[in-house]
Amino acid sequence: MHPVLFHVGTLAVSTYGVMLGLGLLVGLLYGTVQARKDGLPGDWAWDLGLLTMFCAIVGSRAEYVRTHVERFVDAPASMFALRDGGLVFYGGFVASLLGFMAYAKWRKVPVLALFDMMAPSVGFGHAIGRIGCLAAGCCFGRPTTSAWSITFPEGSLAPAGVPLVPTQVNEVLFNVATGLFLSWVPRRFVGQRFVLLLWLYPPFRATNELFRGDSARGYVFDGLMTNGQLTSLVLIAVGALVWWRAGRAS
């Protein structure tokens, strides 16, 4: 819709990149609020924010390269060309969880307390990031005749002039709702917000994938399931394991 936000001389500043940065900032700010509510130091959210920035970039790019390795066989240096696009949310999400686990060990606190602290921020930050997807036209939906549709202009990554399922808008609305819900729901045990996040977003993501029209996701099991759907199933199972261990013990 509006892939380039503005120019600085000859440098084009992408809306996608700005929205990713803004999403991280909003997530950090809300993380400090949630930390104080949970009785944790507010500055931990900023530590985790820097850690998340690093892990998210490395993890999301690594997952993209893993699922599109054939594109980099003849030009391995292009793996580091982030300006050309190619980031996978789930790769960054999983890498960030591993970073949180390392941080929790360093601070000698339960890792689930950190997961809970940042869970609402994931919803809000992810929603803003998906606005960047909408602006660029990536992660676009299938053609549709439904009134719930969006048409992209020339210059977008999505097919121009064709009504498409607004998968990016679906992501924005669902992630905002998730962030609000996780901020509101009373916590009955440490790890509950994290469990709810894993029981809310992955099922939605697996369903929304059915309506996507891009081919950048990658498939497993001979095209029967996308990489995102498989990851969603794994995360739902992780949520069930955390609930069984933390929820039942509370």
Foldseek 3Di string as FASTA:
>chain_A
DAQFPDDDVPRTHGLLVVLLVVLLVQLLVQLLVLCVVLVHHSCVSVVLSVVLVVLQVVQQLVVLCVQVVVVCPVPVVCSPVCVVPGGHRVRSVVSSLVVLVVVCVVVVHDSLQVLLSRLLSCLRSQLSSLVSCVNQVPQWFDADPDPQWDADDPPHPHDHPGTARHLSVVSNVQSNVLSVCSVPDDDPWRNVSVLVSLVRPLVVQQVSNVGTDDPSQHAPPVRPGTPSNVVSVVSNVVSVVCCVVTVVVD
